[in-house]
Amino acid sequence: MNINETNGLQDIEIGISKMPCLLCWLYMNYLNKKYDRCFCEPCTNGKIDTKWCFRENEDPDIINMINQELIKRIEQAIEKRCTDSERNSRKKSDDSDIIATSLEGDDFDGEMYGKPRI
């Protein structure tokens, strides 16, 4: 994403050649809220580009808003992963309340009681 301020009137041009990463998408949303802008907000690819950074002298409010959103999403991801892990560990556990018992070798004589009726 390329951002250029133009003509000193605080007009901002944003050039996007593909779906924006999560951070670019959040950035555009917060620019819209903070400065009453109307940037088109396409879908995000949901990824975080490791080379992403704020512009020099970025508004601290925008930095804080994006950081808070990232913290919230990280906490949600950790919670989901823990919940999924807990569910999976229960399914894979060999511990069970069900006890299987073999009747092989028992003194039970099926013929003594007759065959079951169907």
PDB file of N, CA and C in Angstrom:
ATOM      1  N   MET A   1       0.851  -1.166   0.000  1.00  0.00           N
ATOM      2  CA  MET A   1       0.000   0.000   0.000  1.00  0.00           C
ATOM      3  C   MET A   1       0.898   1.231   0.000  1.00  0.00           C
ATOM      4  N   ASN A   2       0.612   2.148  -0.861  1.00  0.00           N
ATOM      5  CA  ASN A   2       1.348   3.407  -0.916  1.00  0.00           C
ATOM      6  C   ASN A   2       0.435   4.531  -0.465  1.00  0.00           C
ATOM      7  N   ILE A   3       0.928   5.360   0.439  1.00  0.00           N
ATOM      8  CA  ILE A   3       0.142   6.486   0.943  1.00  0.00           C
ATOM      9  C   ILE A   3       0.917   7.759   0.657  1.00  0.00           C
ATOM     10  N   ASN A   4       0.267   8.701   0.016  1.00  0.00           N
ATOM     11  CA  ASN A   4       0.904   9.985  -0.285  1.00  0.00           C
ATOM     12  C   ASN A   4      -0.037  11.117   0.098  1.00  0.00           C
ATOM     13  N   GLU A   5       0.477  12.059   0.887  1.00  0.00           N
ATOM     14  CA  GLU A   5      -0.304  13.249   1.161  1.00  0.00           C
ATOM     15  C   GLU A   5      -0.079  14.195  -0.013  1.00  0.00           C
ATOM     16  N   THR A   6      -1.139  14.801  -0.482  1.00  0.00           N
ATOM     17  CA  THR A   6      -1.026  15.643  -1.676  1.00  0.00           C
ATOM     18  C   THR A   6      -1.432  17.084  -1.385  1.00  0.00           C
ATOM     19  N   ASN A   7      -0.921  17.965  -2.111  1.00  0.00           N
ATOM     20  CA  ASN A   7      -1.239  19.397  -2.210  1.00  0.00           C
ATOM     21  C   ASN A   7      -1.420  20.139  -0.884  1.00  0.00           C
ATOM     22  N   GLY A   8      -0.926  19.617   0.241  1.00  0.00           N
ATOM     23  CA  GLY A   8      -0.977  20.351   1.496  1.00  0.00           C
ATOM     24  C   GLY A   8      -2.369  20.525   2.078  1.00  0.00           C
ATOM     25  N   LEU A   9      -3.371  19.972   1.465  1.00  0.00           N
ATOM     26  CA  LEU A   9      -4.743  20.122   1.963  1.00  0.00           C
ATOM     27  C   LEU A   9      -5.198  18.897   2.765  1.00  0.00           C
ATOM     28  N   GLN A  10      -4.244  18.106   3.188  1.00  0.00           N
ATOM     29  CA  GLN A  10      -4.498  16.875   3.929  1.00  0.00           C
ATOM     30  C   GLN A  10      -5.289  15.852   3.119  1.00  0.00           C
ATOM     31  N   ASP A  11      -5.276  16.009   1.800  1.00  0.00           N
ATOM     32  CA  ASP A  11      -5.843  14.965   0.957  1.00  0.00           C
ATOM     33  C   ASP A  11      -4.847  13.822   0.942  1.00  0.00           C
ATOM     34  N   ILE A  12      -5.325  12.617   0.992  1.00  0.00           N
ATOM     35  CA  ILE A  12      -4.434  11.461   1.002  1.00  0.00           C
ATOM     36  C   ILE A  12      -4.840  10.521  -0.115  1.00  0.00           C
ATOM     37  N   GLU A  13      -3.864  10.112  -0.880  1.00  0.00           N
ATOM     38  CA  GLU A  13      -4.103   9.114  -1.921  1.00  0.00           C
ATOM     39  C   GLU A  13      -3.579   7.777  -1.422  1.00  0.00           C
ATOM     40  N   ILE A  14      -4.359   6.746  -1.598  1.00  0.00           N
ATOM     41  CA  ILE A  14      -3.926   5.404  -1.222  1.00  0.00           C
ATOM     42  C   ILE A  14      -4.017   4.533  -2.459  1.00  0.00           C
ATOM     43  N   GLY A  15      -2.895   3.921  -2.825  1.00  0.00           N
ATOM     44  CA  GLY A  15      -2.878   3.020  -3.975  1.00  0.00           C
ATOM     45  C   GLY A  15      -2.773   1.580  -3.507  1.00  0.00           C
ATOM     46  N   ILE A  16      -3.711   0.757  -3.927  1.00  0.00           N
ATOM     47  CA  ILE A  16      -3.730  -0.649  -3.517  1.00  0.00           C
ATOM     48  C   ILE A  16      -3.813  -1.516  -4.762  1.00  0.00           C
ATOM     49  N   SER A  17      -2.905  -2.490  -4.870  1.00  0.00           N
ATOM     50  CA  SER A  17      -2.912  -3.352  -6.044  1.00  0.00           C
ATOM     51  C   SER A  17      -3.531  -4.722  -5.773  1.00  0.00           C
ATOM     52  N   LYS A  18      -3.809  -5.028  -4.516  1.00  0.00           N
ATOM     53  CA  LYS A  18      -4.413  -6.318  -4.155  1.00  0.00           C
ATOM     54  C   LYS A  18      -5.147  -6.150  -2.830  1.00  0.00           C
ATOM     55  N   MET A  19      -5.769  -7.219  -2.370  1.00  0.00           N
ATOM     56  CA  MET A  19      -6.470  -7.125  -1.095  1.00  0.00           C
ATOM     57  C   MET A  19      -5.484  -6.718   0.001  1.00  0.00           C
ATOM     58  N   PRO A  20      -5.879  -5.767   0.852  1.00  0.00           N
ATOM     59  CA  PRO A  20      -4.946  -5.308   1.883  1.00  0.00           C
ATOM     60  C   PRO A  20      -4.778  -6.337   2.998  1.00  0.00           C
ATOM     61  N   CYS A  21      -3.609  -6.292   3.616  1.00  0.00           N
ATOM     62  CA  CYS A  21      -3.376  -7.139   4.786  1.00  0.00           C
ATOM     63  C   CYS A  21      -4.241  -6.610   5.930  1.00  0.00           C
ATOM     64  N   LEU A  22      -4.282  -7.344   7.004  1.00  0.00           N
ATOM     65  CA  LEU A  22      -5.111  -6.960   8.149  1.00  0.00           C
ATOM     66  C   LEU A  22      -4.729  -5.580   8.674  1.00  0.00           C
ATOM     67  N   LEU A  23      -3.434  -5.298   8.782  1.00  0.00           N
ATOM     68  CA  LEU A  23      -3.002  -4.014   9.339  1.00  0.00           C
ATOM     69  C   LEU A  23      -3.373  -2.843   8.438  1.00  0.00           C
ATOM     70  N   CYS A  24      -3.225  -3.002   7.118  1.00  0.00           N
ATOM     71  CA  CYS A  24      -3.631  -1.937   6.186  1.00  0.00           C
ATOM     72  C   CYS A  24      -5.130  -1.690   6.283  1.00  0.00           C
ATOM     73  N   TRP A  25      -5.880  -2.772   6.374  1.00  0.00           N
ATOM     74  CA  TRP A  25      -7.338  -2.673   6.456  1.00  0.00           C
ATOM     75  C   TRP A  25      -7.757  -1.955   7.740  1.00  0.00           C
ATOM     76  N   LEU A  26      -7.137  -2.322   8.869  1.00  0.00           N
ATOM     77  CA  LEU A  26      -7.423  -1.634  10.134  1.00  0.00           C
ATOM     78  C   LEU A  26      -7.043  -0.164  10.032  1.00  0.00           C
ATOM     79  N   TYR A  27      -5.904   0.103   9.422  1.00  0.00           N
ATOM     80  CA  TYR A  27      -5.418   1.471   9.280  1.00  0.00           C
ATOM     81  C   TYR A  27      -6.424   2.328   8.513  1.00  0.00           C
ATOM     82  N   MET A  28      -6.921   1.801   7.394  1.00  0.00           N
ATOM     83  CA  MET A  28      -7.920   2.550   6.616  1.00  0.00           C
ATOM     84  C   MET A  28      -9.195   2.781   7.424  1.00  0.00           C
ATOM     85  N   ASN A  29      -9.624   1.769   8.168  1.00  0.00           N
ATOM     86  CA  ASN A  29     -10.826   1.923   8.995  1.00  0.00           C
ATOM     87  C   ASN A  29     -10.651   3.034  10.021  1.00  0.00           C
ATOM     88  N   TYR A  30      -9.491   3.044  10.682  1.00  0.00           N
ATOM     89  CA  TYR A  30      -9.266   4.060  11.710  1.00  0.00           C
ATOM     90  C   TYR A  30      -9.041   5.440  11.116  1.00  0.00           C
ATOM     91  N   LEU A  31      -8.442   5.519   9.930  1.00  0.00           N
ATOM     92  CA  LEU A  31      -8.351   6.824   9.259  1.00  0.00           C
ATOM     93  C   LEU A  31      -9.754   7.349   8.962  1.00  0.00           C
ATOM     94  N   ASN A  32     -10.623   6.479   8.511  1.00  0.00           N
ATOM     95  CA  ASN A  32     -12.006   6.890   8.238  1.00  0.00           C
ATOM     96  C   ASN A  32     -12.678   7.421   9.502  1.00  0.00           C
ATOM     97  N   LYS A  33     -12.524   6.709  10.599  1.00  0.00           N
ATOM     98  CA  LYS A  33     -13.167   7.122  11.857  1.00  0.00           C
ATOM     99  C   LYS A  33     -12.562   8.409  12.400  1.00  0.00           C
ATOM    100  N   LYS A  34     -11.263   8.455  12.463  1.00  0.00           N
ATOM    101  CA  LYS A  34     -10.586   9.577  13.106  1.00  0.00           C
ATOM    102  C   LYS A  34     -10.733  10.879  12.320  1.00  0.00           C
ATOM    103  N   TYR A  35     -10.605  10.797  10.990  1.00  0.00           N
ATOM    104  CA  TYR A  35     -10.592  12.004  10.174  1.00  0.00           C
ATOM    105  C   TYR A  35     -11.821  12.156   9.291  1.00  0.00           C
ATOM    106  N   ASP A  36     -12.831  11.385   9.581  1.00  0.00           N
ATOM    107  CA  ASP A  36     -14.079  11.438   8.806  1.00  0.00           C
ATOM    108  C   ASP A  36     -13.800  11.312   7.310  1.00  0.00           C
ATOM    109  N   ARG A  37     -12.969  10.339   6.986  1.00  0.00           N
ATOM    110  CA  ARG A  37     -12.619  10.055   5.590  1.00  0.00           C
ATOM    111  C   ARG A  37     -13.595   9.036   5.042  1.00  0.00           C
ATOM    112  N   CYS A  38     -13.461   8.788   3.782  1.00  0.00           N
ATOM    113  CA  CYS A  38     -14.329   7.798   3.147  1.00  0.00           C
ATOM    114  C   CYS A  38     -13.497   6.930   2.209  1.00  0.00           C
ATOM    115  N   PHE A  39     -12.502   6.254   2.798  1.00  0.00           N
ATOM    116  CA  PHE A  39     -11.712   5.326   1.998  1.00  0.00           C
ATOM    117  C   PHE A  39     -12.538   4.077   1.758  1.00  0.00           C
ATOM    118  N   CYS A  40     -12.475   3.584   0.556  1.00  0.00           N
ATOM    119  CA  CYS A  40     -13.132   2.322   0.254  1.00  0.00           C
ATOM    120  C   CYS A  40     -12.438   1.243   1.076  1.00  0.00           C
ATOM    121  N   GLU A  41     -13.212   0.441   1.774  1.00  0.00           N
ATOM    122  CA  GLU A  41     -12.649  -0.581   2.637  1.00  0.00           C
ATOM    123  C   GLU A  41     -12.923  -1.959   2.039  1.00  0.00           C
ATOM    124  N   PRO A  42     -12.051  -2.419   1.162  1.00  0.00           N
ATOM    125  CA  PRO A  42     -12.262  -3.759   0.612  1.00  0.00           C
ATOM    126  C   PRO A  42     -12.030  -4.800   1.701  1.00  0.00           C
ATOM    127  N   CYS A  43     -12.286  -6.024   1.369  1.00  0.00           N
ATOM    128  CA  CYS A  43     -12.014  -7.115   2.318  1.00  0.00           C
ATOM    129  C   CYS A  43     -10.522  -7.194   2.578  1.00  0.00           C
ATOM    130  N   THR A  44     -10.174  -7.780   3.678  1.00  0.00           N
ATOM    131  CA  THR A  44      -8.767  -8.005   3.998  1.00  0.00           C
ATOM    132  C   THR A  44      -8.418  -9.461   3.706  1.00  0.00           C
ATOM    133  N   ASN A  45      -7.157  -9.708   3.425  1.00  0.00           N
ATOM    134  CA  ASN A  45      -6.729 -11.096   3.259  1.00  0.00           C
ATOM    135  C   ASN A  45      -6.488 -11.743   4.618  1.00  0.00           C
ATOM    136  N   GLY A  46      -6.574 -10.954   5.701  1.00  0.00           N
ATOM    137  CA  GLY A  46      -6.468 -11.462   7.055  1.00  0.00           C
ATOM    138  C   GLY A  46      -5.053 -11.743   7.522  1.00  0.00           C
ATOM    139  N   LYS A  47      -4.081 -11.539   6.658  1.00  0.00           N
ATOM    140  CA  LYS A  47      -2.687 -11.816   7.022  1.00  0.00           C
ATOM    141  C   LYS A  47      -2.040 -10.557   7.587  1.00  0.00           C
ATOM    142  N   ILE A  48      -0.951 -10.755   8.314  1.00  0.00           N
ATOM    143  CA  ILE A  48      -0.189  -9.626   8.836  1.00  0.00           C
ATOM    144  C   ILE A  48       1.163  -9.627   8.137  1.00  0.00           C
ATOM    145  N   ASP A  49       1.418  -8.563   7.409  1.00  0.00           N
ATOM    146  CA  ASP A  49       2.693  -8.417   6.708  1.00  0.00           C
ATOM    147  C   ASP A  49       3.757  -8.029   7.731  1.00  0.00           C
ATOM    148  N   THR A  50       4.798  -8.829   7.826  1.00  0.00           N
ATOM    149  CA  THR A  50       5.833  -8.590   8.840  1.00  0.00           C
ATOM    150  C   THR A  50       6.645  -7.319   8.589  1.00  0.00           C
ATOM    151  N   LYS A  51       6.571  -6.779   7.385  1.00  0.00           N
ATOM    152  CA  LYS A  51       7.324  -5.555   7.073  1.00  0.00           C
ATOM    153  C   LYS A  51       6.461  -4.302   7.254  1.00  0.00           C
ATOM    154  N   TRP A  52       5.225  -4.475   7.682  1.00  0.00           N
ATOM    155  CA  TRP A  52       4.301  -3.354   7.821  1.00  0.00           C
ATOM    156  C   TRP A  52       4.787  -2.422   8.918  1.00  0.00           C
ATOM    157  N   CYS A  53       4.657  -1.115   8.685  1.00  0.00           N
ATOM    158  CA  CYS A  53       5.010  -0.148   9.732  1.00  0.00           C
ATOM    159  C   CYS A  53       4.165   1.113   9.557  1.00  0.00           C
ATOM    160  N   PHE A  54       4.083   1.903  10.609  1.00  0.00           N
ATOM    161  CA  PHE A  54       3.369   3.169  10.555  1.00  0.00           C
ATOM    162  C   PHE A  54       4.203   4.205   9.812  1.00  0.00           C
ATOM    163  N   ARG A  55       3.529   5.226   9.309  1.00  0.00           N
ATOM    164  CA  ARG A  55       4.238   6.340   8.698  1.00  0.00           C
ATOM    165  C   ARG A  55       5.007   7.094   9.781  1.00  0.00           C
ATOM    166  N   GLU A  56       6.002   7.861   9.377  1.00  0.00           N
ATOM    167  CA  GLU A  56       6.708   8.698  10.336  1.00  0.00           C
ATOM    168  C   GLU A  56       5.719   9.700  10.927  1.00  0.00           C
ATOM    169  N   ASN A  57       5.883   9.983  12.198  1.00  0.00           N
ATOM    170  CA  ASN A  57       5.021  10.940  12.904  1.00  0.00           C
ATOM    171  C   ASN A  57       3.540  10.570  12.841  1.00  0.00           C
ATOM    172  N   GLU A  58       3.261   9.280  12.886  1.00  0.00           N
ATOM    173  CA  GLU A  58       1.864   8.829  12.840  1.00  0.00           C
ATOM    174  C   GLU A  58       1.116   9.302  14.080  1.00  0.00           C
ATOM    175  N   ASP A  59      -0.152   9.547  13.915  1.00  0.00           N
ATOM    176  CA  ASP A  59      -1.020   9.962  15.004  1.00  0.00           C
ATOM    177  C   ASP A  59      -1.024   8.877  16.092  1.00  0.00           C
ATOM    178  N   PRO A  60      -0.658   9.228  17.323  1.00  0.00           N
ATOM    179  CA  PRO A  60      -0.623   8.230  18.401  1.00  0.00           C
ATOM    180  C   PRO A  60      -1.966   7.545  18.649  1.00  0.00           C
ATOM    181  N   ASP A  61      -3.059   8.253  18.406  1.00  0.00           N
ATOM    182  CA  ASP A  61      -4.382   7.636  18.587  1.00  0.00           C
ATOM    183  C   ASP A  61      -4.574   6.464  17.625  1.00  0.00           C
ATOM    184  N   ILE A  62      -4.140   6.638  16.400  1.00  0.00           N
ATOM    185  CA  ILE A  62      -4.281   5.559  15.419  1.00  0.00           C
ATOM    186  C   ILE A  62      -3.373   4.389  15.797  1.00  0.00           C
ATOM    187  N   ILE A  63      -2.163   4.691  16.231  1.00  0.00           N
ATOM    188  CA  ILE A  63      -1.252   3.624  16.671  1.00  0.00           C
ATOM    189  C   ILE A  63      -1.891   2.842  17.820  1.00  0.00           C
ATOM    190  N   ASN A  64      -2.439   3.553  18.800  1.00  0.00           N
ATOM    191  CA  ASN A  64      -3.076   2.892  19.943  1.00  0.00           C
ATOM    192  C   ASN A  64      -4.288   2.067  19.534  1.00  0.00           C
ATOM    193  N   MET A  65      -5.114   2.599  18.628  1.00  0.00           N
ATOM    194  CA  MET A  65      -6.298   1.862  18.194  1.00  0.00           C
ATOM    195  C   MET A  65      -5.910   0.552  17.502  1.00  0.00           C
ATOM    196  N   ILE A  66      -4.933   0.620  16.636  1.00  0.00           N
ATOM    197  CA  ILE A  66      -4.495  -0.588  15.924  1.00  0.00           C
ATOM    198  C   ILE A  66      -3.851  -1.574  16.896  1.00  0.00           C
ATOM    199  N   ASN A  67      -3.011  -1.072  17.807  1.00  0.00           N
ATOM    200  CA  ASN A  67      -2.391  -1.958  18.791  1.00  0.00           C
ATOM    201  C   ASN A  67      -3.450  -2.648  19.665  1.00  0.00           C
ATOM    202  N   GLN A  68      -4.453  -1.906  20.089  1.00  0.00           N
ATOM    203  CA  GLN A  68      -5.521  -2.498  20.914  1.00  0.00           C
ATOM    204  C   GLN A  68      -6.290  -3.562  20.137  1.00  0.00           C
ATOM    205  N   GLU A  69      -6.549  -3.296  18.873  1.00  0.00           N
ATOM    206  CA  GLU A  69      -7.248  -4.281  18.044  1.00  0.00           C
ATOM    207  C   GLU A  69      -6.406  -5.542  17.871  1.00  0.00           C
ATOM    208  N   LEU A  70      -5.114  -5.368  17.671  1.00  0.00           N
ATOM    209  CA  LEU A  70      -4.225  -6.532  17.545  1.00  0.00           C
ATOM    210  C   LEU A  70      -4.178  -7.336  18.840  1.00  0.00           C
ATOM    211  N   ILE A  71      -4.101  -6.655  19.962  1.00  0.00           N
ATOM    212  CA  ILE A  71      -4.099  -7.352  21.257  1.00  0.00           C
ATOM    213  C   ILE A  71      -5.383  -8.149  21.421  1.00  0.00           C
ATOM    214  N   LYS A  72      -6.505  -7.538  21.077  1.00  0.00           N
ATOM    215  CA  LYS A  72      -7.796  -8.231  21.189  1.00  0.00           C
ATOM    216  C   LYS A  72      -7.827  -9.479  20.305  1.00  0.00           C
ATOM    217  N   ARG A  73      -7.363  -9.349  19.078  1.00  0.00           N
ATOM    218  CA  ARG A  73      -7.372 -10.494  18.157  1.00  0.00           C
ATOM    219  C   ARG A  73      -6.402 -11.598  18.607  1.00  0.00           C
ATOM    220  N   ILE A  74      -5.267 -11.209  19.155  1.00  0.00           N
ATOM    221  CA  ILE A  74      -4.311 -12.205  19.662  1.00  0.00           C
ATOM    222  C   ILE A  74      -4.918 -12.955  20.842  1.00  0.00           C
ATOM    223  N   GLU A  75      -5.552 -12.222  21.756  1.00  0.00           N
ATOM    224  CA  GLU A  75      -6.204 -12.867  22.906  1.00  0.00           C
ATOM    225  C   GLU A  75      -7.292 -13.837  22.450  1.00  0.00           C
ATOM    226  N   GLN A  76      -8.086 -13.432  21.445  1.00  0.00           N
ATOM    227  CA  GLN A  76      -9.128 -14.310  20.921  1.00  0.00           C
ATOM    228  C   GLN A  76      -8.528 -15.563  20.285  1.00  0.00           C
ATOM    229  N   ALA A  77      -7.430 -15.391  19.554  1.00  0.00           N
ATOM    230  CA  ALA A  77      -6.782 -16.539  18.903  1.00  0.00           C
ATOM    231  C   ALA A  77      -6.221 -17.504  19.946  1.00  0.00           C
ATOM    232  N   ILE A  78      -5.621 -16.965  21.001  1.00  0.00           N
ATOM    233  CA  ILE A  78      -5.085 -17.820  22.064  1.00  0.00           C
ATOM    234  C   ILE A  78      -6.210 -18.570  22.757  1.00  0.00           C
ATOM    235  N   GLU A  79      -7.291 -17.863  23.058  1.00  0.00           N
ATOM    236  CA  GLU A  79      -8.434 -18.502  23.713  1.00  0.00           C
ATOM    237  C   GLU A  79      -9.015 -19.615  22.843  1.00  0.00           C
ATOM    238  N   LYS A  80      -9.152 -19.347  21.546  1.00  0.00           N
ATOM    239  CA  LYS A  80      -9.678 -20.358  20.630  1.00  0.00           C
ATOM    240  C   LYS A  80      -8.747 -21.559  20.559  1.00  0.00           C
ATOM    241  N   ARG A  81      -7.460 -21.306  20.459  1.00  0.00           N
ATOM    242  CA  ARG A  81      -6.489 -22.403  20.377  1.00  0.00           C
ATOM    243  C   ARG A  81      -6.527 -23.250  21.646  1.00  0.00           C
ATOM    244  N   CYS A  82      -6.625 -22.608  22.811  1.00  0.00           N
ATOM    245  CA  CYS A  82      -6.701 -23.350  24.079  1.00  0.00           C
ATOM    246  C   CYS A  82      -7.978 -24.180  24.143  1.00  0.00           C
ATOM    247  N   THR A  83      -9.093 -23.600  23.730  1.00  0.00           N
ATOM    248  CA  THR A  83     -10.368 -24.325  23.732  1.00  0.00           C
ATOM    249  C   THR A  83     -10.308 -25.501  22.782  1.00  0.00           C
ATOM    250  N   ASP A  84      -9.787 -25.290  21.576  1.00  0.00           N
ATOM    251  CA  ASP A  84      -9.669 -26.380  20.601  1.00  0.00           C
ATOM    252  C   ASP A  84      -8.751 -27.472  21.118  1.00  0.00           C
ATOM    253  N   SER A  85      -7.650 -27.071  21.734  1.00  0.00           N
ATOM    254  CA  SER A  85      -6.695 -28.038  22.258  1.00  0.00           C
ATOM    255  C   SER A  85      -7.328 -28.865  23.371  1.00  0.00           C
ATOM    256  N   GLU A  86      -8.098 -28.202  24.218  1.00  0.00           N
ATOM    257  CA  GLU A  86      -8.776 -28.900  25.314  1.00  0.00           C
ATOM    258  C   GLU A  86      -9.780 -29.910  24.766  1.00  0.00           C
ATOM    259  N   ARG A  87     -10.531 -29.506  23.748  1.00  0.00           N
ATOM    260  CA  ARG A  87     -11.503 -30.421  23.127  1.00  0.00           C
ATOM    261  C   ARG A  87     -10.802 -31.619  22.506  1.00  0.00           C
ATOM    262  N   ASN A  88      -9.728 -31.361  21.776  1.00  0.00           N
ATOM    263  CA  ASN A  88      -8.997 -32.436  21.102  1.00  0.00           C
ATOM    264  C   ASN A  88      -8.362 -33.391  22.092  1.00  0.00           C
ATOM    265  N   SER A  89      -7.868 -32.882  23.205  1.00  0.00           N
ATOM    266  CA  SER A  89      -7.232 -33.762  24.180  1.00  0.00           C
ATOM    267  C   SER A  89      -8.263 -34.665  24.836  1.00  0.00           C
ATOM    268  N   ARG A  90      -9.487 -34.201  24.991  1.00  0.00           N
ATOM    269  CA  ARG A  90     -10.536 -35.051  25.557  1.00  0.00           C
ATOM    270  C   ARG A  90     -10.895 -36.172  24.607  1.00  0.00           C
ATOM    271  N   LYS A  91     -10.954 -35.883  23.320  1.00  0.00           N
ATOM    272  CA  LYS A  91     -11.326 -36.888  22.332  1.00  0.00           C
ATOM    273  C   LYS A  91     -10.252 -37.959  22.193  1.00  0.00           C
ATOM    274  N   LYS A  92      -9.000 -37.575  22.337  1.00  0.00           N
ATOM    275  CA  LYS A  92      -7.896 -38.493  22.110  1.00  0.00           C
ATOM    276  C   LYS A  92      -7.523 -39.276  23.365  1.00  0.00           C
ATOM    277  N   SER A  93      -8.077 -38.899  24.480  1.00  0.00           N
ATOM    278  CA  SER A  93      -7.702 -39.533  25.731  1.00  0.00           C
ATOM    279  C   SER A  93      -8.195 -40.967  25.773  1.00  0.00           C
ATOM    280  N   ASP A  94      -7.377 -41.850  26.352  1.00  0.00           N
ATOM    281  CA  ASP A  94      -7.789 -43.238  26.523  1.00  0.00           C
ATOM    282  C   ASP A  94      -8.599 -43.408  27.800  1.00  0.00           C
ATOM    283  N   ASP A  95      -8.679 -42.374  28.603  1.00  0.00           N
ATOM    284  CA  ASP A  95      -9.471 -42.461  29.825  1.00  0.00           C
ATOM    285  C   ASP A  95     -10.944 -42.434  29.457  1.00  0.00           C
ATOM    286  N   SER A  96     -11.682 -43.348  30.023  1.00  0.00           N
ATOM    287  CA  SER A  96     -13.094 -43.425  29.712  1.00  0.00           C
ATOM    288  C   SER A  96     -13.828 -44.028  30.894  1.00  0.00           C
ATOM    289  N   ASP A  97     -15.082 -43.677  31.033  1.00  0.00           N
ATOM    290  CA  ASP A  97     -15.912 -44.272  32.072  1.00  0.00           C
ATOM    291  C   ASP A  97     -16.465 -45.618  31.631  1.00  0.00           C
ATOM    292  N   ILE A  98     -16.338 -45.936  30.364  1.00  0.00           N
ATOM    293  CA  ILE A  98     -16.876 -47.189  29.835  1.00  0.00           C
ATOM    294  C   ILE A  98     -15.852 -48.296  30.055  1.00  0.00           C
ATOM    295  N   ILE A  99     -16.312 -49.392  30.631  1.00  0.00           N
ATOM    296  CA  ILE A  99     -15.426 -50.520  30.880  1.00  0.00           C
ATOM    297  C   ILE A  99     -15.870 -51.667  29.980  1.00  0.00           C
ATOM    298  N   ALA A 100     -14.960 -52.143  29.174  1.00  0.00           N
ATOM    299  CA  ALA A 100     -15.265 -53.262  28.287  1.00  0.00           C
ATOM    300  C   ALA A 100     -14.866 -54.553  28.990  1.00  0.00           C
ATOM    301  N   THR A 101     -15.775 -55.514  28.978  1.00  0.00           N
ATOM    302  CA  THR A 101     -15.508 -56.794  29.632  1.00  0.00           C
ATOM    303  C   THR A 101     -15.732 -57.909  28.636  1.00  0.00           C
ATOM    304  N   SER A 102     -14.801 -58.785  28.556  1.00  0.00           N
ATOM    305  CA  SER A 102     -14.923 -59.930  27.667  1.00  0.00           C
ATOM    306  C   SER A 102     -15.698 -61.032  28.377  1.00  0.00           C
ATOM    307  N   LEU A 103     -16.597 -61.700  27.647  1.00  0.00           N
ATOM    308  CA  LEU A 103     -17.339 -62.826  28.205  1.00  0.00           C
ATOM    309  C   LEU A 103     -16.681 -64.148  27.868  1.00  0.00           C
ATOM    310  N   GLU A 104     -15.608 -64.084  27.135  1.00  0.00           N
ATOM    311  CA  GLU A 104     -14.920 -65.305  26.744  1.00  0.00           C
ATOM    312  C   GLU A 104     -14.385 -66.028  27.979  1.00  0.00           C
ATOM    313  N   GLY A 105     -14.683 -67.302  28.047  1.00  0.00           N
ATOM    314  CA  GLY A 105     -14.214 -68.098  29.175  1.00  0.00           C
ATOM    315  C   GLY A 105     -15.119 -68.046  30.389  1.00  0.00           C
ATOM    316  N   ASP A 106     -16.223 -67.278  30.304  1.00  0.00           N
ATOM    317  CA  ASP A 106     -17.159 -67.254  31.431  1.00  0.00           C
ATOM    318  C   ASP A 106     -17.873 -68.587  31.539  1.00  0.00           C
ATOM    319  N   ASP A 107     -18.424 -68.846  32.686  1.00  0.00           N
ATOM    320  CA  ASP A 107     -19.160 -70.091  32.919  1.00  0.00           C
ATOM    321  C   ASP A 107     -20.571 -70.033  32.369  1.00  0.00           C
ATOM    322  N   PHE A 108     -20.917 -68.931  31.752  1.00  0.00           N
ATOM    323  CA  PHE A 108     -22.265 -68.773  31.198  1.00  0.00           C
ATOM    324  C   PHE A 108     -22.474 -69.772  30.082  1.00  0.00           C
ATOM    325  N   ASP A 109     -23.527 -70.522  30.199  1.00  0.00           N
ATOM    326  CA  ASP A 109     -23.841 -71.524  29.181  1.00  0.00           C
ATOM    327  C   ASP A 109     -25.082 -71.078  28.449  1.00  0.00           C
ATOM    328  N   GLY A 110     -24.922 -70.632  27.217  1.00  0.00           N
ATOM    329  CA  GLY A 110     -26.038 -70.126  26.428  1.00  0.00           C
ATOM    330  C   GLY A 110     -27.101 -71.172  26.176  1.00  0.00           C
ATOM    331  N   GLU A 111     -26.703 -72.389  26.058  1.00  0.00           N
ATOM    332  CA  GLU A 111     -27.688 -73.434  25.783  1.00  0.00           C
ATOM    333  C   GLU A 111     -28.546 -73.724  26.997  1.00  0.00           C
ATOM    334  N   MET A 112     -28.014 -73.501  28.162  1.00  0.00           N
ATOM    335  CA  MET A 112     -28.782 -73.747  29.367  1.00  0.00           C
ATOM    336  C   MET A 112     -29.996 -72.832  29.439  1.00  0.00           C
ATOM    337  N   TYR A 113     -29.861 -71.651  28.984  1.00  0.00           N
ATOM    338  CA  TYR A 113     -30.952 -70.687  29.034  1.00  0.00           C
ATOM    339  C   TYR A 113     -31.709 -70.611  27.722  1.00  0.00           C
ATOM    340  N   GLY A 114     -31.260 -71.305  26.741  1.00  0.00           N
ATOM    341  CA  GLY A 114     -31.918 -71.262  25.450  1.00  0.00           C
ATOM    342  C   GLY A 114     -31.387 -70.094  24.616  1.00  0.00           C
ATOM    343  N   LYS A 115     -31.677 -70.167  23.366  1.00  0.00           N
ATOM    344  CA  LYS A 115     -31.238 -69.101  22.471  1.00  0.00           C
ATOM    345  C   LYS A 115     -32.192 -67.926  22.597  1.00  0.00           C
ATOM    346  N   PRO A 116     -31.673 -66.709  22.409  1.00  0.00           N
ATOM    347  CA  PRO A 116     -32.546 -65.547  22.502  1.00  0.00           C
ATOM    348  C   PRO A 116     -33.590 -65.561  21.380  1.00  0.00           C
ATOM    349  N   ARG A 117     -34.755 -65.065  21.716  1.00  0.00           N
ATOM    350  CA  ARG A 117     -35.828 -64.984  20.734  1.00  0.00           C
ATOM    351  C   ARG A 117     -35.681 -63.693  19.958  1.00  0.00           C
ATOM    352  N   ILE A 118     -35.953 -63.804  18.697  1.00  0.00           N
ATOM    353  CA  ILE A 118     -35.839 -62.610  17.835  1.00  0.00           C
ATOM    354  C   ILE A 118     -37.214 -62.216  17.363  1.00  0.00           C
TER     355      ILE A 118
END
